[in-house]
Every structure is written in structure tokens, then in C-alpha cells.
N, C-alpha and C. Protein backbone atom coordinates (compact mmCIF):
# COMPACT_ATOMS: atom_id res chain seq x y z
N GLN A 1 19.02 6.53 19.18
CA GLN A 1 19.39 5.20 18.71
C GLN A 1 18.55 4.15 19.40
N VAL A 2 18.21 3.13 18.65
CA VAL A 2 17.47 1.99 19.18
C VAL A 2 18.28 0.74 18.89
N GLN A 3 18.47 -0.06 19.92
CA GLN A 3 19.11 -1.36 19.74
C GLN A 3 18.03 -2.43 19.85
N LEU A 4 18.07 -3.38 18.93
CA LEU A 4 17.08 -4.45 18.88
C LEU A 4 17.78 -5.80 19.00
N VAL A 5 17.28 -6.64 19.88
CA VAL A 5 17.84 -7.98 20.06
C VAL A 5 16.72 -9.01 19.95
N GLU A 6 16.82 -9.86 18.95
CA GLU A 6 15.83 -10.92 18.77
C GLU A 6 16.24 -12.17 19.55
N SER A 7 15.25 -12.94 19.93
CA SER A 7 15.48 -14.22 20.59
C SER A 7 14.29 -15.12 20.32
N GLY A 8 14.46 -16.39 20.65
CA GLY A 8 13.35 -17.33 20.52
C GLY A 8 13.41 -18.24 19.32
N GLY A 9 14.39 -18.02 18.45
CA GLY A 9 14.52 -18.90 17.31
C GLY A 9 15.05 -20.26 17.72
N GLY A 10 15.06 -21.17 16.75
CA GLY A 10 15.58 -22.50 17.03
C GLY A 10 15.09 -23.51 16.01
N LEU A 11 15.27 -24.77 16.36
CA LEU A 11 14.87 -25.88 15.50
C LEU A 11 13.52 -26.40 15.99
N VAL A 12 12.58 -26.53 15.08
CA VAL A 12 11.24 -27.01 15.43
C VAL A 12 10.75 -27.93 14.32
N GLN A 13 9.95 -28.90 14.70
CA GLN A 13 9.39 -29.82 13.71
C GLN A 13 8.24 -29.18 12.95
N PRO A 14 7.98 -29.64 11.75
CA PRO A 14 6.81 -29.13 11.01
C PRO A 14 5.54 -29.28 11.85
N GLY A 15 4.72 -28.24 11.83
CA GLY A 15 3.51 -28.24 12.64
C GLY A 15 3.71 -27.64 14.02
N GLY A 16 4.96 -27.40 14.38
CA GLY A 16 5.26 -26.87 15.69
C GLY A 16 5.07 -25.36 15.77
N SER A 17 5.42 -24.83 16.94
CA SER A 17 5.23 -23.40 17.22
C SER A 17 6.49 -22.80 17.81
N LEU A 18 6.65 -21.53 17.59
CA LEU A 18 7.72 -20.76 18.21
C LEU A 18 7.20 -19.36 18.47
N ARG A 19 7.79 -18.71 19.47
CA ARG A 19 7.48 -17.31 19.73
C ARG A 19 8.78 -16.54 19.73
N LEU A 20 8.89 -15.64 18.77
CA LEU A 20 10.07 -14.78 18.69
C LEU A 20 9.83 -13.51 19.49
N SER A 21 10.90 -13.05 20.12
CA SER A 21 10.85 -11.81 20.88
C SER A 21 11.88 -10.84 20.33
N CYS A 22 11.55 -9.58 20.41
CA CYS A 22 12.48 -8.52 20.00
C CYS A 22 12.48 -7.48 21.12
N ALA A 23 13.58 -7.43 21.83
CA ALA A 23 13.72 -6.48 22.94
C ALA A 23 14.41 -5.22 22.45
N ALA A 24 13.79 -4.09 22.68
CA ALA A 24 14.35 -2.82 22.26
C ALA A 24 14.95 -2.08 23.45
N SER A 25 16.03 -1.37 23.19
CA SER A 25 16.66 -0.54 24.22
C SER A 25 17.19 0.73 23.58
N GLY A 26 17.51 1.69 24.39
CA GLY A 26 18.03 2.96 23.90
C GLY A 26 16.99 4.06 23.93
N ARG A 27 15.78 3.72 23.54
CA ARG A 27 14.65 4.63 23.63
C ARG A 27 13.39 3.82 23.42
N THR A 28 12.27 4.41 23.73
CA THR A 28 11.01 3.71 23.55
C THR A 28 10.68 3.55 22.08
N ILE A 29 10.08 2.41 21.73
CA ILE A 29 9.63 2.20 20.36
C ILE A 29 8.14 2.49 20.22
N ASN A 30 7.54 2.99 21.28
CA ASN A 30 6.14 3.41 21.21
C ASN A 30 6.03 4.55 20.20
N GLY A 31 5.20 4.37 19.20
CA GLY A 31 5.07 5.37 18.17
C GLY A 31 5.82 5.01 16.89
N PHE A 32 6.64 3.99 16.95
CA PHE A 32 7.34 3.50 15.76
C PHE A 32 6.46 2.50 15.02
N ASN A 33 6.69 2.36 13.74
CA ASN A 33 6.15 1.24 12.99
C ASN A 33 7.00 0.01 13.33
N LEU A 34 6.38 -1.12 13.50
CA LEU A 34 7.07 -2.33 13.93
C LEU A 34 6.88 -3.43 12.90
N ALA A 35 7.91 -4.22 12.70
CA ALA A 35 7.77 -5.26 11.69
C ALA A 35 8.73 -6.41 11.95
N TRP A 36 8.37 -7.56 11.42
CA TRP A 36 9.25 -8.72 11.34
C TRP A 36 9.44 -9.04 9.86
N PHE A 37 10.70 -9.25 9.49
CA PHE A 37 11.06 -9.68 8.15
C PHE A 37 11.77 -11.03 8.29
N ARG A 38 11.91 -11.72 7.17
CA ARG A 38 12.71 -12.94 7.17
C ARG A 38 13.44 -13.05 5.85
N GLN A 39 14.55 -13.78 5.91
CA GLN A 39 15.33 -14.01 4.71
C GLN A 39 15.83 -15.44 4.71
N ALA A 40 15.41 -16.18 3.71
CA ALA A 40 15.86 -17.56 3.53
C ALA A 40 17.07 -17.57 2.60
N PRO A 41 17.89 -18.60 2.66
CA PRO A 41 19.07 -18.67 1.80
C PRO A 41 18.70 -18.54 0.33
N GLY A 42 19.40 -17.64 -0.36
CA GLY A 42 19.17 -17.45 -1.78
C GLY A 42 17.93 -16.67 -2.14
N LYS A 43 17.24 -16.15 -1.14
CA LYS A 43 16.02 -15.39 -1.39
C LYS A 43 16.14 -13.98 -0.83
N GLU A 44 15.28 -13.10 -1.32
CA GLU A 44 15.27 -11.73 -0.83
C GLU A 44 14.57 -11.66 0.53
N ARG A 45 14.92 -10.64 1.28
CA ARG A 45 14.24 -10.41 2.55
C ARG A 45 12.79 -10.05 2.28
N GLU A 46 11.88 -10.63 3.05
CA GLU A 46 10.47 -10.38 2.83
C GLU A 46 9.77 -10.02 4.13
N LEU A 47 8.71 -9.22 3.99
CA LEU A 47 7.92 -8.84 5.15
C LEU A 47 7.09 -10.03 5.63
N VAL A 48 7.18 -10.29 6.92
CA VAL A 48 6.37 -11.34 7.53
C VAL A 48 5.13 -10.73 8.17
N ALA A 49 5.34 -9.70 8.96
CA ALA A 49 4.22 -9.06 9.66
C ALA A 49 4.64 -7.66 10.08
N GLY A 50 3.65 -6.77 10.16
CA GLY A 50 3.96 -5.41 10.58
C GLY A 50 2.79 -4.73 11.26
N ILE A 51 3.10 -3.80 12.13
CA ILE A 51 2.10 -2.96 12.78
C ILE A 51 2.50 -1.52 12.53
N THR A 52 1.60 -0.74 11.94
CA THR A 52 1.91 0.67 11.70
C THR A 52 1.63 1.48 12.96
N ARG A 53 2.08 2.71 12.97
CA ARG A 53 1.83 3.60 14.10
C ARG A 53 0.35 3.79 14.34
N GLY A 54 -0.42 3.69 13.28
CA GLY A 54 -1.86 3.84 13.40
C GLY A 54 -2.57 2.57 13.82
N GLY A 55 -1.82 1.51 14.02
CA GLY A 55 -2.42 0.27 14.50
C GLY A 55 -2.83 -0.70 13.40
N LEU A 56 -2.52 -0.39 12.14
CA LEU A 56 -2.86 -1.29 11.05
C LEU A 56 -1.89 -2.47 11.05
N ILE A 57 -2.42 -3.66 11.00
CA ILE A 57 -1.59 -4.87 11.00
C ILE A 57 -1.64 -5.51 9.62
N LYS A 58 -0.46 -5.92 9.15
CA LYS A 58 -0.35 -6.55 7.84
C LYS A 58 0.48 -7.80 7.96
N TYR A 59 0.08 -8.84 7.24
CA TYR A 59 0.84 -10.09 7.20
C TYR A 59 1.18 -10.46 5.77
N GLY A 60 2.32 -11.12 5.62
CA GLY A 60 2.65 -11.70 4.34
C GLY A 60 1.65 -12.79 4.00
N ASP A 61 1.39 -12.96 2.72
CA ASP A 61 0.36 -13.92 2.30
C ASP A 61 0.66 -15.34 2.79
N SER A 62 1.92 -15.70 2.84
CA SER A 62 2.27 -17.08 3.18
C SER A 62 2.13 -17.38 4.67
N VAL A 63 1.94 -16.36 5.51
CA VAL A 63 1.86 -16.61 6.95
C VAL A 63 0.51 -16.24 7.54
N LYS A 64 -0.38 -15.70 6.73
CA LYS A 64 -1.69 -15.30 7.23
C LYS A 64 -2.40 -16.49 7.89
N GLY A 65 -2.94 -16.24 9.06
CA GLY A 65 -3.66 -17.27 9.79
C GLY A 65 -2.76 -18.15 10.65
N ARG A 66 -1.45 -18.01 10.47
CA ARG A 66 -0.52 -18.84 11.25
C ARG A 66 0.38 -18.02 12.17
N PHE A 67 0.68 -16.80 11.78
CA PHE A 67 1.57 -15.94 12.56
C PHE A 67 0.78 -14.77 13.13
N ALA A 68 1.24 -14.27 14.26
CA ALA A 68 0.61 -13.10 14.87
C ALA A 68 1.67 -12.20 15.47
N ILE A 69 1.63 -10.92 15.10
CA ILE A 69 2.56 -9.93 15.64
C ILE A 69 1.86 -9.20 16.78
N SER A 70 2.64 -8.88 17.81
CA SER A 70 2.09 -8.13 18.92
C SER A 70 3.20 -7.27 19.53
N GLU A 71 2.80 -6.31 20.35
CA GLU A 71 3.76 -5.44 21.00
C GLU A 71 3.40 -5.29 22.46
N ASP A 72 4.40 -4.99 23.25
CA ASP A 72 4.21 -4.73 24.67
C ASP A 72 4.96 -3.44 24.97
N ASN A 73 4.23 -2.34 25.04
CA ASN A 73 4.88 -1.05 25.25
C ASN A 73 5.57 -0.99 26.62
N ALA A 74 5.00 -1.64 27.60
CA ALA A 74 5.60 -1.61 28.94
C ALA A 74 6.97 -2.29 28.95
N LYS A 75 7.12 -3.32 28.12
CA LYS A 75 8.39 -4.04 28.04
C LYS A 75 9.25 -3.56 26.88
N ASN A 76 8.73 -2.61 26.11
CA ASN A 76 9.47 -2.11 24.94
C ASN A 76 9.88 -3.26 24.03
N ALA A 77 8.91 -4.08 23.68
CA ALA A 77 9.21 -5.30 22.95
C ALA A 77 8.16 -5.59 21.88
N VAL A 78 8.58 -6.39 20.93
CA VAL A 78 7.70 -6.84 19.84
C VAL A 78 7.82 -8.36 19.80
N TYR A 79 6.72 -9.00 19.47
CA TYR A 79 6.70 -10.46 19.45
C TYR A 79 6.15 -10.97 18.14
N LEU A 80 6.52 -12.20 17.81
CA LEU A 80 5.94 -12.88 16.66
C LEU A 80 5.61 -14.30 17.09
N GLN A 81 4.34 -14.58 17.22
CA GLN A 81 3.89 -15.93 17.55
C GLN A 81 3.68 -16.68 16.25
N MET A 82 4.30 -17.84 16.15
CA MET A 82 4.23 -18.63 14.93
C MET A 82 3.70 -20.01 15.25
N ILE A 83 2.67 -20.43 14.56
CA ILE A 83 2.11 -21.77 14.74
C ILE A 83 2.05 -22.47 13.39
N SER A 84 1.80 -23.77 13.44
CA SER A 84 1.69 -24.57 12.21
C SER A 84 2.87 -24.31 11.28
N LEU A 85 4.05 -24.35 11.84
CA LEU A 85 5.24 -24.02 11.06
C LEU A 85 5.49 -25.04 9.96
N LYS A 86 6.01 -24.53 8.85
CA LYS A 86 6.30 -25.34 7.68
C LYS A 86 7.78 -25.22 7.35
N ALA A 87 8.27 -26.17 6.57
CA ALA A 87 9.67 -26.14 6.17
C ALA A 87 10.02 -24.82 5.47
N GLU A 88 9.08 -24.31 4.70
CA GLU A 88 9.34 -23.07 3.97
C GLU A 88 9.38 -21.83 4.85
N ASP A 89 9.08 -21.99 6.14
CA ASP A 89 9.25 -20.88 7.08
C ASP A 89 10.68 -20.76 7.58
N THR A 90 11.51 -21.71 7.21
CA THR A 90 12.92 -21.68 7.61
C THR A 90 13.59 -20.44 7.04
N ALA A 91 14.18 -19.65 7.93
CA ALA A 91 14.82 -18.40 7.52
C ALA A 91 15.43 -17.74 8.75
N VAL A 92 16.19 -16.69 8.49
CA VAL A 92 16.60 -15.80 9.57
C VAL A 92 15.53 -14.72 9.70
N TYR A 93 15.04 -14.53 10.91
CA TYR A 93 13.98 -13.57 11.18
C TYR A 93 14.56 -12.32 11.82
N TYR A 94 14.17 -11.18 11.28
CA TYR A 94 14.69 -9.89 11.73
C TYR A 94 13.57 -9.01 12.25
N CYS A 95 13.86 -8.33 13.33
CA CYS A 95 12.97 -7.32 13.88
C CYS A 95 13.36 -5.97 13.29
N ASN A 96 12.37 -5.16 12.97
CA ASN A 96 12.61 -3.84 12.37
C ASN A 96 11.65 -2.83 12.97
N VAL A 97 12.17 -1.68 13.34
CA VAL A 97 11.32 -0.57 13.77
C VAL A 97 11.75 0.67 12.99
N TYR A 98 10.78 1.48 12.58
CA TYR A 98 11.12 2.65 11.79
C TYR A 98 10.07 3.73 11.99
N ALA A 99 10.51 4.96 11.80
CA ALA A 99 9.61 6.09 11.92
C ALA A 99 10.27 7.31 11.29
N ILE A 100 9.44 8.25 10.90
CA ILE A 100 9.93 9.55 10.45
C ILE A 100 9.90 10.47 11.65
N VAL A 101 11.09 10.90 12.08
CA VAL A 101 11.19 11.75 13.24
C VAL A 101 11.90 13.03 12.83
N GLY A 102 11.23 14.15 12.98
CA GLY A 102 11.83 15.42 12.58
C GLY A 102 12.19 15.44 11.11
N GLY A 103 11.39 14.75 10.28
CA GLY A 103 11.64 14.75 8.85
C GLY A 103 12.71 13.78 8.41
N ARG A 104 13.26 13.02 9.32
CA ARG A 104 14.31 12.07 8.98
C ARG A 104 13.87 10.66 9.31
N LEU A 105 14.23 9.71 8.44
CA LEU A 105 13.89 8.32 8.65
C LEU A 105 14.80 7.73 9.73
N GLN A 106 14.18 7.16 10.73
CA GLN A 106 14.91 6.38 11.72
C GLN A 106 14.52 4.93 11.51
N ASP A 107 15.48 4.11 11.16
CA ASP A 107 15.24 2.73 10.72
C ASP A 107 16.24 1.83 11.42
N TYR A 108 15.74 0.93 12.23
CA TYR A 108 16.62 0.08 13.03
C TYR A 108 16.30 -1.40 12.81
N TRP A 109 17.37 -2.21 12.85
CA TRP A 109 17.24 -3.65 12.62
C TRP A 109 17.97 -4.42 13.72
N GLY A 110 17.43 -5.57 14.03
CA GLY A 110 18.14 -6.48 14.91
C GLY A 110 19.11 -7.32 14.11
N GLN A 111 19.83 -8.19 14.82
CA GLN A 111 20.85 -9.02 14.18
C GLN A 111 20.27 -10.29 13.57
N GLY A 112 19.03 -10.59 13.92
CA GLY A 112 18.37 -11.77 13.36
C GLY A 112 18.43 -12.97 14.26
N THR A 113 17.44 -13.83 14.13
CA THR A 113 17.42 -15.10 14.85
C THR A 113 17.00 -16.19 13.87
N GLN A 114 17.72 -17.30 13.91
CA GLN A 114 17.49 -18.38 12.95
C GLN A 114 16.30 -19.23 13.38
N VAL A 115 15.41 -19.48 12.45
CA VAL A 115 14.31 -20.42 12.64
C VAL A 115 14.47 -21.53 11.61
N THR A 116 14.56 -22.75 12.09
CA THR A 116 14.70 -23.90 11.20
C THR A 116 13.56 -24.86 11.46
N VAL A 117 12.80 -25.16 10.43
CA VAL A 117 11.67 -26.09 10.55
C VAL A 117 12.04 -27.36 9.79
N SER A 118 12.24 -28.43 10.54
CA SER A 118 12.72 -29.67 9.94
C SER A 118 12.32 -30.84 10.82
N PRO A 119 12.04 -32.01 10.19
CA PRO A 119 11.67 -33.19 10.99
C PRO A 119 12.79 -33.60 11.92
């Protein structure tokens, strides 16, 4: 089992920056695929950024050039650096780690952290 706890969300003005953190516990997430998703009111959950086990990084089209995902294996954590924030970035942000282990999908989610971009 992996427990994920996000932090770093809050209220920020347009153009501002935030850094989200996702602390994992229970076991190492080294070797897992890592991702950040977000869900705005009335909208479906969407991929913001992800790192595959092979090191491939992918970003959602709306955040390319503004967001950066990173990991720290020593701290068992995943981060999302966000700059040039826009009102449309307002959402609950979720950390997700998943992997196929022994032929079974292991898929874990955090509880989410609210990001609000407003003047």
C-alpha cells in the first residue's frame, strides 16, 4: 500500500507560482509511474503531468511550458512546479502513482489539494 499526501495548494494571483508536493509513505514509489491530475468544478479529471517508469515526461497541452513535474527518490516524493498561473488552472490537484506489479495494477491517489488562481 502507498499513501499519498499532497500539499502546497492555496490562493494565488494570476501570473503567480506555486509548488505542489506529494509525499508518499508505505513503500517506495521508485519504479512507479508518477502523475499529477486536476479536476475543476463541472469538468472531468485531466492529466496535468506525468513521468513514466522509463523516464518519459508528458504534459497536458494547456500547461506545457508553465508546469514542471519532478521526483525525489530520496524523499519518496513528487513535485509539481507551476508558474504563470491562470484562472483556468483553478482546480483540485491530485497526485497519482501506478504500476503493474506481479501482473496486478497498483494505483494510488492522494486526497487532493485545492489551487485557486484569482485576483
